[in-house]
């Protein structure tokens, strides 16, 4: 996603402490008044809603260990979740939002679950969508129309990585595709979606290697060609 979104905002999240937007409390979304649900970061019988305590700062005398490129690629600003548990049926509202974010956290924190092939595209299906991300979406407890909206955004994000960032015409087409996908996404998740958390999660999963991260940033650093907002029904099934 363009501009101040996706992985371009990671530094801001960490600097101002906005990470709880994605790092919702443990099972049930955290916070009082929300029922515990069986979610990807919940083990049976777990009912914690306490905020995650920050890690203690290292002494000033202990120099930070430099991280390798592989270990820093698409590192999400949230704590590691435990083993996921499945959910039957369709969730709505806050329960669905928390489930998707928790599931995304689990996927990102376990890179072996995501495509690690040494190409930008990775292993894709007939529609050019990464198979691992497509399968993840199909396993989410939401309606078929909502899954199609998620897939449409995943397709747009994949195209952002693959686009020729030096071609004004190509950038314009991808800008429009991304705008249409966001408009469709919002129409399907009215009352559920909050901020850019979900689409940021898809950005993280898509740009999950140094090579893909580099391509993602090349697109984001290219001049905006089509900055108009998409209106009407822009949903597209793949």
Protein backbone atom coordinates (compact mmCIF):
# COMPACT_ATOMS: atom_id res chain seq x y z
CA UNK A 1 0.00 0.00 0.00
CA UNK A 2 1.20 3.51 -0.86
CA UNK A 3 2.54 6.43 1.13
CA UNK A 4 2.56 6.30 4.96
CA UNK A 5 1.51 2.70 5.18
CA UNK A 6 2.72 -0.84 5.31
CA UNK A 7 6.36 -1.41 6.09
CA UNK A 8 7.26 2.27 5.62
CA UNK A 9 5.57 2.96 8.95
CA UNK A 10 7.41 0.38 11.06
CA UNK A 11 9.89 2.90 12.48
CA UNK A 12 7.04 5.22 13.43
CA UNK A 13 5.15 2.42 15.20
CA UNK A 14 8.17 1.54 17.29
CA UNK A 15 9.11 5.14 18.02
CA UNK A 16 5.72 6.35 19.28
CA UNK A 17 4.46 3.12 20.79
CA UNK A 18 1.62 2.52 18.35
CA UNK A 19 2.51 -1.17 18.11
CA UNK A 20 -0.50 -2.12 20.32
CA UNK A 21 -2.67 -1.33 17.30
CA UNK A 22 -1.40 -4.62 15.94
CA UNK A 23 -0.24 -6.21 19.18
CA UNK A 24 -3.72 -6.37 20.67
CA UNK A 25 -3.87 -8.05 24.05
CA UNK A 26 -3.70 -11.81 24.22
CA UNK A 27 -6.69 -14.05 23.50
CA UNK A 28 -9.93 -12.24 22.85
CA UNK A 29 -8.27 -9.05 21.62
CA UNK A 30 -7.18 -7.73 25.00
CA UNK A 31 -8.95 -5.20 27.12
CA UNK A 32 -11.94 -5.76 29.37
CA UNK A 33 -15.42 -6.45 28.10
CA UNK A 34 -14.38 -8.62 25.16
CA UNK A 35 -15.15 -12.34 25.21
CA UNK A 36 -12.30 -14.76 24.85
CA UNK A 37 -12.27 -16.50 21.48
CA UNK A 38 -10.44 -19.46 20.05
CA UNK A 39 -7.88 -17.63 17.96
CA UNK A 40 -4.47 -18.27 16.39
CA UNK A 41 -2.65 -16.91 19.42
CA UNK A 42 -4.84 -18.62 22.01
CA UNK A 43 -4.26 -21.97 23.61
CA UNK A 44 -7.28 -23.80 25.08
CA UNK A 45 -8.24 -22.33 28.41
CA UNK A 46 -6.18 -19.15 27.99
CA UNK A 47 -8.00 -15.96 29.01
CA UNK A 48 -5.37 -13.28 29.36
CA UNK A 49 -6.11 -9.64 28.55
CA UNK A 50 -3.08 -8.05 30.20
CA UNK A 51 -0.95 -5.78 28.01
CA UNK A 52 2.39 -7.10 26.88
CA UNK A 53 5.16 -5.81 29.13
CA UNK A 54 7.99 -4.06 27.28
CA UNK A 55 11.34 -5.79 27.28
CA UNK A 56 13.82 -4.28 29.74
CA UNK A 57 16.37 -1.98 28.17
CA UNK A 58 19.90 -3.31 27.82
CA UNK A 59 22.64 -1.58 29.81
CA UNK A 60 24.32 1.21 27.93
CA UNK A 61 27.61 -0.66 28.14
CA UNK A 62 26.24 -3.63 26.22
CA UNK A 63 26.58 -2.85 22.50
CA UNK A 64 23.70 -3.96 20.31
CA UNK A 65 24.40 -7.03 18.27
CA UNK A 66 24.12 -6.24 14.54
CA UNK A 67 21.26 -8.09 12.90
CA UNK A 68 21.66 -9.89 9.62
CA UNK A 69 19.56 -8.91 6.60
CA UNK A 70 17.66 -12.19 6.80
CA UNK A 71 16.70 -11.68 10.44
CA UNK A 72 15.46 -8.11 9.91
CA UNK A 73 13.42 -8.69 6.76
CA UNK A 74 9.76 -7.89 7.38
CA UNK A 75 10.17 -8.05 11.18
CA UNK A 76 6.84 -7.19 12.72
CA UNK A 77 6.62 -4.82 15.71
CA UNK A 78 4.75 -7.21 17.98
CA UNK A 79 5.55 -10.07 20.40
CA UNK A 80 5.66 -13.69 19.30
CA UNK A 81 2.30 -15.47 19.65
CA UNK A 82 1.90 -19.10 20.77
CA UNK A 83 0.69 -21.99 18.62
CA UNK A 84 -2.58 -21.14 16.77
CA UNK A 85 -5.90 -22.85 17.34
CA UNK A 86 -8.59 -23.17 14.63
CA UNK A 87 -12.02 -21.53 14.68
CA UNK A 88 -15.18 -22.99 13.20
CA UNK A 89 -17.65 -20.84 11.27
CA UNK A 90 -17.58 -17.10 10.56
CA UNK A 91 -16.54 -14.39 13.00
CA UNK A 92 -17.69 -10.77 12.88
CA UNK A 93 -16.77 -7.42 14.34
CA UNK A 94 -14.02 -7.18 16.93
CA UNK A 95 -13.66 -10.96 17.16
CA UNK A 96 -12.87 -11.21 13.44
CA UNK A 97 -10.50 -8.25 13.53
CA UNK A 98 -8.54 -9.69 16.44
CA UNK A 99 -8.43 -13.15 14.89
CA UNK A 100 -6.97 -11.87 11.62
CA UNK A 101 -4.34 -9.74 13.34
CA UNK A 102 -3.35 -12.56 15.68
CA UNK A 103 -3.15 -15.01 12.78
CA UNK A 104 -1.02 -12.58 10.77
CA UNK A 105 1.32 -12.12 13.75
CA UNK A 106 1.78 -15.86 13.98
CA UNK A 107 2.56 -16.21 10.27
CA UNK A 108 5.07 -13.36 10.26
CA UNK A 109 6.79 -14.53 13.41
CA UNK A 110 7.20 -18.03 11.93
CA UNK A 111 8.89 -17.26 8.58
CA UNK A 112 9.06 -20.94 7.68
CA UNK A 113 5.29 -20.75 7.11
CA UNK A 114 5.78 -18.17 4.36
CA UNK A 115 7.28 -18.57 0.90
CA UNK A 116 11.05 -18.22 1.19
CA UNK A 117 11.94 -18.93 -2.45
CA UNK A 118 14.69 -16.66 -3.84
CA UNK A 119 12.48 -14.72 -6.27
CA UNK A 120 10.34 -11.61 -5.94
CA UNK A 121 7.18 -13.36 -7.09
CA UNK A 122 7.59 -16.55 -5.12
CA UNK A 123 5.33 -19.51 -5.86
CA UNK A 124 2.08 -18.13 -7.29
CA UNK A 125 -1.22 -19.55 -8.44
CA UNK A 126 -2.81 -19.11 -11.88
CA UNK A 127 -3.90 -15.58 -10.96
CA UNK A 128 -0.45 -14.42 -9.87
CA UNK A 129 -1.18 -14.48 -6.15
CA UNK A 130 1.33 -16.02 -3.74
CA UNK A 131 0.07 -19.49 -2.83
CA UNK A 132 1.02 -19.22 0.84
CA UNK A 133 -0.87 -15.94 1.30
CA UNK A 134 -3.85 -17.15 -0.73
CA UNK A 135 -4.12 -20.29 1.41
CA UNK A 136 -3.82 -18.23 4.59
CA UNK A 137 -6.73 -16.04 3.50
CA UNK A 138 -8.89 -19.04 2.60
CA UNK A 139 -8.45 -20.36 6.15
CA UNK A 140 -9.73 -17.19 7.83
CA UNK A 141 -13.20 -17.31 9.48
CA UNK A 142 -14.92 -14.78 7.21
CA UNK A 143 -17.46 -14.71 4.40
CA UNK A 144 -16.55 -15.62 0.80
CA UNK A 145 -16.97 -11.97 -0.27
CA UNK A 146 -14.60 -10.84 2.48
CA UNK A 147 -12.03 -13.42 1.46
CA UNK A 148 -12.26 -12.17 -2.13
CA UNK A 149 -11.56 -8.62 -0.89
CA UNK A 150 -8.50 -9.87 1.01
CA UNK A 151 -7.30 -11.76 -2.07
CA UNK A 152 -7.80 -8.67 -4.24
CA UNK A 153 -5.60 -6.64 -1.92
CA UNK A 154 -2.99 -9.42 -1.79
CA UNK A 155 -2.93 -9.40 -5.61
CA UNK A 156 -2.39 -5.62 -5.65
CA UNK A 157 0.42 -5.90 -3.11
CA UNK A 158 2.09 -8.60 -5.18
CA UNK A 159 1.93 -6.31 -8.22
CA UNK A 160 3.53 -3.52 -6.19
CA UNK A 161 6.58 -5.73 -5.71
CA UNK A 162 6.71 -6.79 -9.37
CA UNK A 163 6.05 -3.45 -11.07
CA UNK A 164 8.80 -1.67 -13.00
CA UNK A 165 9.34 1.25 -10.62
CA UNK A 166 10.92 3.34 -13.42
CA UNK A 167 7.85 3.15 -15.67
CA UNK A 168 5.32 5.92 -15.04
CA UNK A 169 2.62 4.03 -16.94
CA UNK A 170 3.17 0.81 -14.98
CA UNK A 171 3.20 2.64 -11.65
CA UNK A 172 -0.05 4.38 -12.54
CA UNK A 173 -1.78 1.08 -13.26
CA UNK A 174 -0.62 -0.42 -9.97
CA UNK A 175 -1.62 2.72 -8.06
CA UNK A 176 -5.14 2.35 -9.49
CA UNK A 177 -5.22 -1.37 -8.72
CA UNK A 178 -4.22 -0.72 -5.11
CA UNK A 179 -6.79 2.05 -4.75
CA UNK A 180 -9.55 -0.20 -6.10
CA UNK A 181 -8.49 -2.99 -3.74
CA UNK A 182 -8.58 -0.71 -0.69
CA UNK A 183 -12.00 0.63 -1.68
CA UNK A 184 -13.33 -2.92 -2.04
CA UNK A 185 -11.69 -3.93 1.22
CA UNK A 186 -13.38 -1.13 3.14
CA UNK A 187 -16.77 -1.91 1.62
CA UNK A 188 -16.58 -5.53 2.77
CA UNK A 189 -15.27 -4.88 6.28
CA UNK A 190 -17.30 -1.85 7.34
CA UNK A 191 -17.41 -1.76 11.13
CA UNK A 192 -14.65 -4.37 11.43
CA UNK A 193 -11.58 -2.89 9.80
CA UNK A 194 -9.64 -0.40 11.91
CA UNK A 195 -6.80 1.69 10.61
CA UNK A 196 -4.40 -0.01 8.21
CA UNK A 197 -3.63 -2.98 10.46
CA UNK A 198 -4.92 -5.77 8.22
CA UNK A 199 -3.47 -4.51 4.97
CA UNK A 200 -0.21 -3.75 6.75
CA UNK A 201 -0.14 -7.41 7.80
CA UNK A 202 -0.53 -8.49 4.16
CA UNK A 203 2.27 -6.08 3.22
CA UNK A 204 4.52 -7.70 5.82
CA UNK A 205 3.75 -11.22 4.65
CA UNK A 206 4.25 -10.31 1.00
CA UNK A 207 7.54 -8.45 1.47
CA UNK A 208 8.94 -11.19 3.70
CA UNK A 209 12.49 -11.44 2.31
CA UNK A 210 15.20 -8.80 1.76
CA UNK A 211 14.72 -9.01 -2.02
CA UNK A 212 10.95 -8.53 -1.80
CA UNK A 213 11.35 -5.79 0.77
CA UNK A 214 13.68 -3.93 -1.59
CA UNK A 215 11.15 -4.18 -4.42
CA UNK A 216 8.32 -3.05 -2.15
CA UNK A 217 10.28 0.03 -1.12
CA UNK A 218 11.23 0.80 -4.74
CA UNK A 219 7.52 1.03 -5.56
CA UNK A 220 6.76 3.16 -2.50
CA UNK A 221 9.62 5.52 -3.32
CA UNK A 222 8.44 6.00 -6.91
CA UNK A 223 6.44 9.19 -7.63
CA UNK A 224 2.68 8.80 -7.12
CA UNK A 225 0.97 8.71 -10.51
CA UNK A 226 -2.68 8.01 -9.76
CA UNK A 227 -3.60 9.62 -6.44
CA UNK A 228 -7.37 9.60 -6.95
CA UNK A 229 -9.70 7.70 -4.63
CA UNK A 230 -11.64 4.82 -6.09
CA UNK A 231 -15.43 5.04 -5.78
CA UNK A 232 -18.33 2.64 -6.30
CA UNK A 233 -18.02 -1.10 -6.54
CA UNK A 234 -14.38 -1.84 -7.32
CA UNK A 235 -14.36 -5.45 -6.08
CA UNK A 236 -12.83 -8.04 -8.38
CA UNK A 237 -12.85 -11.81 -7.97
CA UNK A 238 -9.73 -13.83 -8.77
